[in-house]
C-alpha atoms as a PDB file:
ATOM      1  CA  MET A   1     -48.162  40.484  16.049  1.00  0.00           C
ATOM      2  CA  ALA A   2     -50.236  41.987  18.851  1.00  0.00           C
ATOM      3  CA  ASN A   3     -47.673  40.765  21.365  1.00  0.00           C
ATOM      4  CA  LYS A   4     -44.875  42.981  19.997  1.00  0.00           C
ATOM      5  CA  GLU A   5     -43.462  45.417  22.505  1.00  0.00           C
ATOM      6  CA  ILE A   6     -40.303  47.346  23.332  1.00  0.00           C
ATOM      7  CA  ASP A   7     -37.960  45.481  25.651  1.00  0.00           C
ATOM      8  CA  HIS A   8     -37.437  47.779  28.635  1.00  0.00           C
ATOM      9  CA  ILE A   9     -33.816  46.597  29.190  1.00  0.00           C
ATOM     10  CA  THR A  10     -32.385  46.790  25.653  1.00  0.00           C
ATOM     11  CA  GLY A  11     -34.866  49.187  24.070  1.00  0.00           C
ATOM     12  CA  VAL A  12     -35.241  46.791  21.112  1.00  0.00           C
ATOM     13  CA  GLU A  13     -38.603  45.738  19.743  1.00  0.00           C
ATOM     14  CA  THR A  14     -39.528  42.105  20.318  1.00  0.00           C
ATOM     15  CA  THR A  15     -40.819  39.791  17.601  1.00  0.00           C
ATOM     16  CA  GLY A  16     -43.855  38.776  19.613  1.00  0.00           C
ATOM     17  CA  HIS A  17     -42.484  35.274  20.229  1.00  0.00           C
ATOM     18  CA  GLU A  18     -42.162  34.099  23.776  1.00  0.00           C
ATOM     19  CA  TRP A  19     -41.021  30.781  25.299  1.00  0.00           C
ATOM     20  CA  ASP A  20     -41.148  30.118  29.008  1.00  0.00           C
ATOM     21  CA  GLY A  21     -41.057  33.831  29.742  1.00  0.00           C
ATOM     22  CA  LEU A  22     -38.148  34.510  27.353  1.00  0.00           C
ATOM     23  CA  LYS A  23     -38.991  37.075  24.658  1.00  0.00           C
ATOM     24  CA  GLU A  24     -37.215  37.087  21.282  1.00  0.00           C
ATOM     25  CA  LEU A  25     -35.662  40.410  20.328  1.00  0.00           C
ATOM     26  CA  ASN A  26     -35.943  41.667  16.772  1.00  0.00           C
ATOM     27  CA  SER A  27     -32.266  42.665  16.671  1.00  0.00           C
ATOM     28  CA  PRO A  28     -31.015  43.893  13.269  1.00  0.00           C
ATOM     29  CA  LEU A  29     -28.097  42.121  11.632  1.00  0.00           C
ATOM     30  CA  PRO A  30     -24.689  43.864  11.884  1.00  0.00           C
ATOM     31  CA  LYS A  31     -24.072  46.188   8.934  1.00  0.00           C
ATOM     32  CA  TRP A  32     -20.718  44.558   8.143  1.00  0.00           C
ATOM     33  CA  TRP A  33     -22.489  41.201   7.810  1.00  0.00           C
ATOM     34  CA  LEU A  34     -25.163  42.678   5.515  1.00  0.00           C
ATOM     35  CA  TYR A  35     -22.539  44.395   3.339  1.00  0.00           C
ATOM     36  CA  LEU A  36     -20.602  41.123   3.043  1.00  0.00           C
ATOM     37  CA  LEU A  37     -23.797  39.338   2.048  1.00  0.00           C
ATOM     38  CA  TYR A  38     -24.500  41.939  -0.654  1.00  0.00           C
ATOM     39  CA  ILE A  39     -20.930  41.591  -1.980  1.00  0.00           C
ATOM     40  CA  CYS A  40     -21.307  37.799  -2.158  1.00  0.00           C
ATOM     41  CA  ILE A  41     -24.585  38.146  -4.038  1.00  0.00           C
ATOM     42  CA  ALA A  42     -23.017  40.554  -6.509  1.00  0.00           C
ATOM     43  CA  TRP A  43     -20.007  38.248  -6.942  1.00  0.00           C
ATOM     44  CA  ALA A  44     -22.296  35.249  -7.540  1.00  0.00           C
ATOM     45  CA  VAL A  45     -24.258  37.146 -10.197  1.00  0.00           C
ATOM     46  CA  GLY A  46     -21.031  38.198 -11.890  1.00  0.00           C
ATOM     47  CA  TYR A  47     -19.698  34.640 -11.771  1.00  0.00           C
ATOM     48  CA  THR A  48     -22.774  33.263 -13.517  1.00  0.00           C
ATOM     49  CA  ILE A  49     -22.296  35.865 -16.253  1.00  0.00           C
ATOM     50  CA  PHE A  50     -18.572  35.331 -16.860  1.00  0.00           C
ATOM     51  CA  TYR A  51     -18.224  31.583 -16.193  1.00  0.00           C
ATOM     52  CA  PRO A  52     -20.189  28.426 -17.079  1.00  0.00           C
ATOM     53  CA  ALA A  53     -22.984  28.197 -14.555  1.00  0.00           C
ATOM     54  CA  TRP A  54     -26.546  27.283 -15.474  1.00  0.00           C
ATOM     55  CA  PRO A  55     -27.550  23.861 -16.828  1.00  0.00           C
ATOM     56  CA  LEU A  56     -29.708  23.816 -19.949  1.00  0.00           C
ATOM     57  CA  ALA A  57     -31.673  21.021 -21.590  1.00  0.00           C
ATOM     58  CA  THR A  58     -28.701  19.613 -23.535  1.00  0.00           C
ATOM     59  CA  SER A  59     -25.828  21.896 -22.566  1.00  0.00           C
ATOM     60  CA  TYR A  60     -25.042  24.752 -20.148  1.00  0.00           C
ATOM     61  CA  THR A  61     -24.405  28.492 -20.238  1.00  0.00           C
ATOM     62  CA  LYS A  62     -20.835  29.095 -21.435  1.00  0.00           C
ATOM     63  CA  GLY A  63     -20.225  32.491 -19.836  1.00  0.00           C
ATOM     64  CA  ILE A  64     -18.871  35.559 -21.616  1.00  0.00           C
ATOM     65  CA  LEU A  65     -15.234  35.130 -20.515  1.00  0.00           C
ATOM     66  CA  ARG A  66     -13.106  34.518 -23.601  1.00  0.00           C
ATOM     67  CA  THR A  67      -9.321  34.069 -23.688  1.00  0.00           C
ATOM     68  CA  GLU A  68      -6.811  32.658 -26.137  1.00  0.00           C
ATOM     69  CA  ASP A  69      -6.854  29.368 -24.222  1.00  0.00           C
ATOM     70  CA  PHE A  70     -10.650  29.322 -23.955  1.00  0.00           C
ATOM     71  CA  PRO A  71     -12.123  30.861 -27.126  1.00  0.00           C
ATOM     72  CA  ASP A  72     -15.484  29.173 -26.484  1.00  0.00           C
ATOM     73  CA  GLY A  73     -15.663  30.086 -22.814  1.00  0.00           C
ATOM     74  CA  TYR A  74     -13.805  28.987 -19.739  1.00  0.00           C
ATOM     75  CA  SER A  75     -13.829  25.230 -19.038  1.00  0.00           C
ATOM     76  CA  GLN A  76     -12.438  23.537 -15.938  1.00  0.00           C
ATOM     77  CA  ARG A  77     -12.525  20.253 -17.833  1.00  0.00           C
ATOM     78  CA  ILE A  78     -10.201  21.625 -20.517  1.00  0.00           C
ATOM     79  CA  GLU A  79      -7.936  23.223 -17.939  1.00  0.00           C
ATOM     80  CA  GLY A  80      -7.778  19.985 -15.968  1.00  0.00           C
ATOM     81  CA  GLN A  81      -7.044  17.980 -19.111  1.00  0.00           C
ATOM     82  CA  LYS A  82      -4.204  20.348 -20.012  1.00  0.00           C
ATOM     83  CA  ALA A  83      -2.683  19.993 -16.547  1.00  0.00           C
ATOM     84  CA  PHE A  84      -3.067  16.208 -16.795  1.00  0.00           C
ATOM     85  CA  ASN A  85      -1.349  16.169 -20.181  1.00  0.00           C
ATOM     86  CA  VAL A  86       1.538  18.207 -18.795  1.00  0.00           C
ATOM     87  CA  GLY A  87       1.921  15.694 -15.954  1.00  0.00           C
ATOM     88  CA  VAL A  88       1.773  12.728 -18.319  1.00  0.00           C
ATOM     89  CA  ALA A  89       4.428  14.276 -20.577  1.00  0.00           C
ATOM     90  CA  ALA A  90       6.718  14.963 -17.625  1.00  0.00           C
ATOM     91  CA  ARG A  91       6.228  11.435 -16.326  1.00  0.00           C
ATOM     92  CA  ALA A  92       6.859   9.927 -19.757  1.00  0.00           C
ATOM     93  CA  GLU A  93      10.141  11.825 -20.015  1.00  0.00           C
ATOM     94  CA  LYS A  94      11.290  10.543 -16.614  1.00  0.00           C
ATOM     95  CA  SER A  95      10.095   7.051 -17.475  1.00  0.00           C
ATOM     96  CA  LYS A  96      12.339   7.002 -20.547  1.00  0.00           C
ATOM     97  CA  VAL A  97      15.328   7.791 -18.370  1.00  0.00           C
ATOM     98  CA  LEU A  98      14.224   5.210 -15.815  1.00  0.00           C
ATOM     99  CA  ALA A  99      13.847   2.556 -18.510  1.00  0.00           C
ATOM    100  CA  SER A 100      17.422   2.966 -19.690  1.00  0.00           C
ATOM    101  CA  ALA A 101      18.978   3.338 -16.225  1.00  0.00           C
ATOM    102  CA  SER A 102      20.281   0.356 -14.290  1.00  0.00           C
ATOM    103  CA  LEU A 103      19.100  -0.326 -10.759  1.00  0.00           C
ATOM    104  CA  LYS A 104      22.493   0.791  -9.490  1.00  0.00           C
ATOM    105  CA  ASP A 105      22.230   4.041 -11.461  1.00  0.00           C
ATOM    106  CA  ILE A 106      18.796   4.717  -9.989  1.00  0.00           C
ATOM    107  CA  GLN A 107      20.108   4.190  -6.473  1.00  0.00           C
ATOM    108  CA  SER A 108      22.892   6.727  -7.023  1.00  0.00           C
ATOM    109  CA  ASN A 109      20.680   9.384  -8.664  1.00  0.00           C
ATOM    110  CA  PRO A 110      18.491  11.192  -6.084  1.00  0.00           C
ATOM    111  CA  THR A 111      16.055  12.500  -8.705  1.00  0.00           C
ATOM    112  CA  LEU A 112      15.567   9.116 -10.373  1.00  0.00           C
ATOM    113  CA  LEU A 113      15.399   7.398  -6.988  1.00  0.00           C
ATOM    114  CA  GLU A 114      12.631   9.703  -5.795  1.00  0.00           C
ATOM    115  CA  PHE A 115      10.636   9.178  -8.996  1.00  0.00           C
ATOM    116  CA  ALA A 116      11.107   5.395  -8.898  1.00  0.00           C
ATOM    117  CA  ARG A 117      10.006   5.225  -5.271  1.00  0.00           C
ATOM    118  CA  ALA A 118       6.899   7.297  -5.938  1.00  0.00           C
ATOM    119  CA  ASN A 119       6.049   5.209  -8.999  1.00  0.00           C
ATOM    120  CA  GLY A 120       6.711   1.990  -7.099  1.00  0.00           C
ATOM    121  CA  LYS A 121       4.633   3.058  -4.113  1.00  0.00           C
ATOM    122  CA  ALA A 122       1.607   3.653  -6.338  1.00  0.00           C
ATOM    123  CA  ALA A 123       2.094   0.291  -8.075  1.00  0.00           C
ATOM    124  CA  PHE A 124       2.534  -1.432  -4.700  1.00  0.00           C
ATOM    125  CA  GLY A 125      -0.804  -0.108  -3.472  1.00  0.00           C
ATOM    126  CA  ASP A 126      -2.548  -1.366  -6.610  1.00  0.00           C
ATOM    127  CA  ASN A 127      -0.910  -4.782  -6.906  1.00  0.00           C
ATOM    128  CA  CYS A 128       0.929  -5.887  -3.756  1.00  0.00           C
ATOM    129  CA  ALA A 129      -0.902  -4.379  -0.784  1.00  0.00           C
ATOM    130  CA  PRO A 130      -3.809  -6.903  -0.884  1.00  0.00           C
ATOM    131  CA  CYS A 131      -1.351  -9.615   0.228  1.00  0.00           C
ATOM    132  CA  HIS A 132       1.543  -7.799   1.905  1.00  0.00           C
ATOM    133  CA  GLY A 133      -0.562  -5.042   3.477  1.00  0.00           C
ATOM    134  CA  SER A 134      -0.569  -1.322   2.729  1.00  0.00           C
ATOM    135  CA  GLY A 135       2.426  -0.889   5.041  1.00  0.00           C
ATOM    136  CA  ALA A 136       4.201  -3.967   3.599  1.00  0.00           C
ATOM    137  CA  THR A 137       4.232  -5.603   7.050  1.00  0.00           C
ATOM    138  CA  GLY A 138       2.814  -8.851   5.693  1.00  0.00           C
ATOM    139  CA  GLY A 139       0.721 -11.432   7.528  1.00  0.00           C
ATOM    140  CA  PRO A 140       0.442 -15.225   7.929  1.00  0.00           C
ATOM    141  CA  GLY A 141       1.735 -16.687   4.664  1.00  0.00           C
ATOM    142  CA  TYR A 142       2.703 -13.256   3.289  1.00  0.00           C
ATOM    143  CA  PRO A 143       6.189 -12.057   4.238  1.00  0.00           C
ATOM    144  CA  SER A 144       6.945  -8.668   5.721  1.00  0.00           C
ATOM    145  CA  LEU A 145       8.970  -6.589   3.284  1.00  0.00           C
ATOM    146  CA  GLN A 146      10.270  -4.274   5.984  1.00  0.00           C
ATOM    147  CA  ASP A 147      12.563  -6.685   7.809  1.00  0.00           C
ATOM    148  CA  ASP A 148      15.907  -8.168   6.830  1.00  0.00           C
ATOM    149  CA  ASP A 149      14.610 -11.715   6.342  1.00  0.00           C
ATOM    150  CA  TRP A 150      14.520 -12.762   2.687  1.00  0.00           C
ATOM    151  CA  LEU A 151      13.679 -16.207   1.343  1.00  0.00           C
ATOM    152  CA  TRP A 152      15.184 -15.511  -2.062  1.00  0.00           C
ATOM    153  CA  GLY A 153      17.497 -12.584  -1.344  1.00  0.00           C
ATOM    154  CA  GLY A 154      16.941  -8.886  -0.759  1.00  0.00           C
ATOM    155  CA  SER A 155      19.279  -7.201  -3.232  1.00  0.00           C
ATOM    156  CA  LEU A 156      17.786  -4.990  -5.938  1.00  0.00           C
ATOM    157  CA  ASP A 157      18.501  -7.579  -8.630  1.00  0.00           C
ATOM    158  CA  GLN A 158      17.048 -10.434  -6.570  1.00  0.00           C
ATOM    159  CA  ILE A 159      13.890  -8.484  -5.756  1.00  0.00           C
ATOM    160  CA  GLN A 160      13.442  -7.538  -9.417  1.00  0.00           C
ATOM    161  CA  PHE A 161      13.862 -11.181 -10.460  1.00  0.00           C
ATOM    162  CA  THR A 162      11.289 -12.345  -7.888  1.00  0.00           C
ATOM    163  CA  LEU A 163       8.826  -9.703  -9.050  1.00  0.00           C
ATOM    164  CA  THR A 164       9.336 -10.566 -12.693  1.00  0.00           C
ATOM    165  CA  HIS A 165       9.098 -14.355 -12.438  1.00  0.00           C
ATOM    166  CA  GLY A 166       7.214 -14.947  -9.203  1.00  0.00           C
ATOM    167  CA  ILE A 167       7.408 -17.912  -6.840  1.00  0.00           C
ATOM    168  CA  ARG A 168       5.846 -21.261  -7.809  1.00  0.00           C
ATOM    169  CA  SER A 169       4.027 -19.356 -10.525  1.00  0.00           C
ATOM    170  CA  THR A 170       3.588 -19.435 -14.291  1.00  0.00           C
ATOM    171  CA  SER A 171       6.941 -18.148 -15.526  1.00  0.00           C
ATOM    172  CA  GLY A 172       9.410 -20.640 -16.922  1.00  0.00           C
ATOM    173  CA  GLU A 173      12.013 -19.104 -14.617  1.00  0.00           C
ATOM    174  CA  THR A 174       9.794 -18.829 -11.555  1.00  0.00           C
ATOM    175  CA  ARG A 175      11.448 -19.508  -8.229  1.00  0.00           C
ATOM    176  CA  VAL A 176      10.628 -22.978  -6.908  1.00  0.00           C
ATOM    177  CA  GLY A 177      11.364 -24.275  -3.442  1.00  0.00           C
ATOM    178  CA  ASP A 178       8.971 -26.768  -1.873  1.00  0.00           C
ATOM    179  CA  MET A 179       8.604 -27.614   1.779  1.00  0.00           C
ATOM    180  CA  PRO A 180       7.706 -31.331   1.794  1.00  0.00           C
ATOM    181  CA  ALA A 181       4.594 -32.626   3.553  1.00  0.00           C
ATOM    182  CA  PHE A 182       6.587 -35.013   5.741  1.00  0.00           C
ATOM    183  CA  VAL A 183       3.704 -36.660   7.596  1.00  0.00           C
ATOM    184  CA  LYS A 184       1.103 -36.401   4.846  1.00  0.00           C
ATOM    185  CA  ASP A 185       3.478 -38.074   2.377  1.00  0.00           C
ATOM    186  CA  GLY A 186       4.574 -40.709   4.874  1.00  0.00           C
ATOM    187  CA  LEU A 187       8.137 -39.457   5.259  1.00  0.00           C
ATOM    188  CA  LEU A 188       7.809 -39.011   9.020  1.00  0.00           C
ATOM    189  CA  LYS A 189       5.525 -40.273  11.727  1.00  0.00           C
ATOM    190  CA  LYS A 190       3.316 -37.828  13.598  1.00  0.00           C
ATOM    191  CA  GLU A 191       5.315 -38.096  16.832  1.00  0.00           C
ATOM    192  CA  GLU A 192       8.557 -37.558  14.900  1.00  0.00           C
ATOM    193  CA  ALA A 193       7.125 -34.391  13.365  1.00  0.00           C
ATOM    194  CA  GLU A 194       6.230 -33.082  16.811  1.00  0.00           C
ATOM    195  CA  LEU A 195       9.702 -33.845  18.131  1.00  0.00           C
ATOM    196  CA  LEU A 196      11.225 -32.158  15.100  1.00  0.00           C
ATOM    197  CA  ALA A 197       9.019 -29.098  15.655  1.00  0.00           C
ATOM    198  CA  ASP A 198      10.306 -28.819  19.229  1.00  0.00           C
ATOM    199  CA  HIS A 199      13.867 -28.957  17.923  1.00  0.00           C
ATOM    200  CA  VAL A 200      13.187 -26.255  15.339  1.00  0.00           C
ATOM    201  CA  LEU A 201      11.650 -23.985  17.978  1.00  0.00           C
ATOM    202  CA  SER A 202      14.640 -24.555  20.256  1.00  0.00           C
ATOM    203  CA  LEU A 203      16.907 -23.155  17.534  1.00  0.00           C
ATOM    204  CA  SER A 204      15.441 -19.695  18.120  1.00  0.00           C
ATOM    205  CA  GLY A 205      15.312 -19.787  21.909  1.00  0.00           C
ATOM    206  CA  GLY A 206      12.542 -22.281  22.612  1.00  0.00           C
ATOM    207  CA  ALA A 207      12.718 -25.107  25.121  1.00  0.00           C
ATOM    208  CA  ALA A 208      14.826 -28.131  24.220  1.00  0.00           C
ATOM    209  CA  PRO A 209      12.903 -31.192  22.968  1.00  0.00           C
ATOM    210  CA  ALA A 210      12.348 -34.210  25.207  1.00  0.00           C
ATOM    211  CA  ASP A 211      14.766 -36.349  23.177  1.00  0.00           C
ATOM    212  CA  ALA A 212      17.285 -33.782  21.933  1.00  0.00           C
ATOM    213  CA  ALA A 213      19.611 -36.314  20.312  1.00  0.00           C
ATOM    214  CA  LYS A 214      16.860 -37.937  18.262  1.00  0.00           C
ATOM    215  CA  ALA A 215      15.398 -34.571  17.308  1.00  0.00           C
ATOM    216  CA  LYS A 216      18.778 -33.336  16.126  1.00  0.00           C
ATOM    217  CA  GLN A 217      19.224 -36.465  14.037  1.00  0.00           C
ATOM    218  CA  LEU A 218      15.752 -36.019  12.510  1.00  0.00           C
ATOM    219  CA  PHE A 219      16.718 -32.509  11.504  1.00  0.00           C
ATOM    220  CA  ALA A 220      20.010 -33.672   9.997  1.00  0.00           C
ATOM    221  CA  ASP A 221      18.297 -36.424   8.019  1.00  0.00           C
ATOM    222  CA  ASN A 222      15.312 -34.446   6.742  1.00  0.00           C
ATOM    223  CA  CYS A 223      15.921 -30.692   6.954  1.00  0.00           C
ATOM    224  CA  ALA A 224      19.625 -29.889   6.795  1.00  0.00           C
ATOM    225  CA  SER A 225      19.871 -30.478   3.041  1.00  0.00           C
ATOM    226  CA  CYS A 226      17.770 -27.329   2.468  1.00  0.00           C
ATOM    227  CA  HIS A 227      18.041 -25.303   5.659  1.00  0.00           C
ATOM    228  CA  GLY A 228      21.711 -26.128   6.275  1.00  0.00           C
ATOM    229  CA  ASP A 229      23.430 -27.907   9.136  1.00  0.00           C
ATOM    230  CA  ASP A 230      23.311 -24.667  11.119  1.00  0.00           C
ATOM    231  CA  ALA A 231      19.644 -24.071  10.127  1.00  0.00           C
ATOM    232  CA  LYS A 232      20.559 -20.635   8.739  1.00  0.00           C
ATOM    233  CA  GLY A 233      18.654 -21.305   5.525  1.00  0.00           C
ATOM    234  CA  ASN A 234      19.557 -21.194   1.840  1.00  0.00           C
ATOM    235  CA  GLN A 235      18.312 -18.358  -0.370  1.00  0.00           C
ATOM    236  CA  GLU A 236      19.111 -20.303  -3.533  1.00  0.00           C
ATOM    237  CA  LEU A 237      16.392 -22.768  -2.522  1.00  0.00           C
ATOM    238  CA  GLY A 238      14.090 -20.319  -0.775  1.00  0.00           C
ATOM    239  CA  ALA A 239      14.705 -22.183   2.491  1.00  0.00           C
ATOM    240  CA  PRO A 240      14.205 -19.820   5.466  1.00  0.00           C
ATOM    241  CA  ASN A 241      16.526 -19.225   8.379  1.00  0.00           C
ATOM    242  CA  LEU A 242      15.122 -21.203  11.317  1.00  0.00           C
ATOM    243  CA  THR A 243      17.206 -19.486  13.997  1.00  0.00           C
ATOM    244  CA  ASP A 244      15.947 -15.898  13.810  1.00  0.00           C
ATOM    245  CA  ALA A 245      12.436 -16.321  15.291  1.00  0.00           C
ATOM    246  CA  ILE A 246      10.850 -14.835  12.156  1.00  0.00           C
ATOM    247  CA  TRP A 247       8.015 -17.088  11.045  1.00  0.00           C
ATOM    248  CA  LEU A 248       6.122 -16.771   7.792  1.00  0.00           C
ATOM    249  CA  TYR A 249       3.250 -19.016   8.895  1.00  0.00           C
ATOM    250  CA  GLY A 250       3.448 -18.406  12.649  1.00  0.00           C
ATOM    251  CA  GLY A 251       5.917 -19.441  15.327  1.00  0.00           C
ATOM    252  CA  LYS A 252       3.667 -21.344  17.691  1.00  0.00           C
ATOM    253  CA  ARG A 253       4.243 -25.059  18.095  1.00  0.00           C
ATOM    254  CA  ALA A 254       0.972 -25.863  16.313  1.00  0.00           C
ATOM    255  CA  ASN A 255       2.049 -23.722  13.339  1.00  0.00           C
ATOM    256  CA  VAL A 256       5.416 -25.450  13.020  1.00  0.00           C
ATOM    257  CA  VAL A 257       3.861 -28.898  13.394  1.00  0.00           C
ATOM    258  CA  GLU A 258       1.334 -28.007  10.681  1.00  0.00           C
ATOM    259  CA  THR A 259       4.154 -26.939   8.370  1.00  0.00           C
ATOM    260  CA  ILE A 260       6.073 -30.165   8.910  1.00  0.00           C
ATOM    261  CA  ASN A 261       2.944 -32.306   8.561  1.00  0.00           C
ATOM    262  CA  ASN A 262       1.521 -30.782   5.364  1.00  0.00           C
ATOM    263  CA  GLY A 263       4.252 -28.625   3.860  1.00  0.00           C
ATOM    264  CA  ARG A 264       3.904 -25.093   2.482  1.00  0.00           C
ATOM    265  CA  LYS A 265       3.543 -24.046  -1.135  1.00  0.00           C
ATOM    266  CA  GLY A 266       2.752 -20.332  -1.146  1.00  0.00           C
ATOM    267  CA  VAL A 267       2.532 -18.590  -4.519  1.00  0.00           C
ATOM    268  CA  MET A 268       3.795 -15.189  -5.584  1.00  0.00           C
ATOM    269  CA  PRO A 269       2.368 -14.087  -8.967  1.00  0.00           C
ATOM    270  CA  THR A 270       4.528 -13.671 -12.033  1.00  0.00           C
ATOM    271  CA  TRP A 271       4.321  -9.919 -12.612  1.00  0.00           C
ATOM    272  CA  GLY A 272       6.375  -9.965 -15.802  1.00  0.00           C
ATOM    273  CA  GLY A 273       3.925  -9.459 -18.664  1.00  0.00           C
ATOM    274  CA  ARG A 274       1.254  -8.188 -16.296  1.00  0.00           C
ATOM    275  CA  LEU A 275       3.234  -5.084 -15.360  1.00  0.00           C
ATOM    276  CA  ASP A 276       5.578  -3.210 -17.684  1.00  0.00           C
ATOM    277  CA  PRO A 277       9.355  -3.359 -17.041  1.00  0.00           C
ATOM    278  CA  ILE A 278       9.476   0.236 -15.752  1.00  0.00           C
ATOM    279  CA  THR A 279       6.817  -0.495 -13.144  1.00  0.00           C
ATOM    280  CA  ILE A 280       8.582  -3.692 -12.044  1.00  0.00           C
ATOM    281  CA  LYS A 281      11.859  -1.792 -11.766  1.00  0.00           C
ATOM    282  CA  SER A 282      10.129   0.909  -9.729  1.00  0.00           C
ATOM    283  CA  LEU A 283       8.557  -1.724  -7.477  1.00  0.00           C
ATOM    284  CA  ALA A 284      11.956  -3.315  -6.881  1.00  0.00           C
ATOM    285  CA  VAL A 285      13.414   0.056  -5.867  1.00  0.00           C
ATOM    286  CA  TYR A 286      10.437   0.840  -3.614  1.00  0.00           C
ATOM    287  CA  VAL A 287      10.441  -2.545  -1.850  1.00  0.00           C
ATOM    288  CA  HIS A 288      14.202  -2.350  -1.433  1.00  0.00           C
ATOM    289  CA  SER A 289      13.860   1.088   0.174  1.00  0.00           C
ATOM    290  CA  LEU A 290      11.330  -0.055   2.795  1.00  0.00           C
ATOM    291  CA  GLY A 291      14.140  -0.937   5.170  1.00  0.00           C
ATOM    292  CA  GLY A 292      14.956  -4.575   4.603  1.00  0.00           C
ATOM    293  CA  GLY A 293      16.807  -4.398   1.290  1.00  0.00           C
ATOM    294  CA  LYS A 294      20.325  -5.755   1.135  1.00  0.00           C
END
């Protein structure tokens, strides 16, 4: 305190604190700042009087604000619940319309389409994203839903059927299409599988196999019945197109050889019974709208 003095440059009293020759000025706060502080204090006091504010042993102060909606005092919980109920009622009304509308009707009705997409997007994040990714771009063993490559068809009806019954799953109508384990089950020799893999890769621009004639014959004898003579696939069997360079389990030679050796039996859950029909319908519309729907 004894070190206080008047700064000879500013004419303001110092606080008596000094660091490395720098003296702290005891400058008063701006009046506008003080007035704003006083207003905030007054507003805070008023708020605690009118609104719920202070916690008590088993309850809290209710405030003196009383309205027709809040006869016992204002409550954000009640107000939030009312807003939630309004939203639920509005959604239920739209859901009734969605339940009775066909997929084609939904596609042609902008309002229903928007609601179905929003509903489907939420359901996708909860149920499908863990496998297909939040952006539906897929990963090894999990198909991308944004391209135009569909094992079982990409129309609205086909997508809805796949969602409802799954693939190699528990439904009696589940889609079933098995890729045999040619080497594991003794259907092909290891060197034949490698030659066949080279042929398959050549169909989408890869180098031709060492013995093209034999490789082509291996394909005709073992693969054409499902994938077709032209290797374009068969959606009725879930057999993929082998000419488009889109690979579910990877397009490297080792990946293709692994597939031929041991087969593939990926599973898509049966969502019918786990999700309600409206949610499945919404999911079908959402997936179809991602860009790859037929």
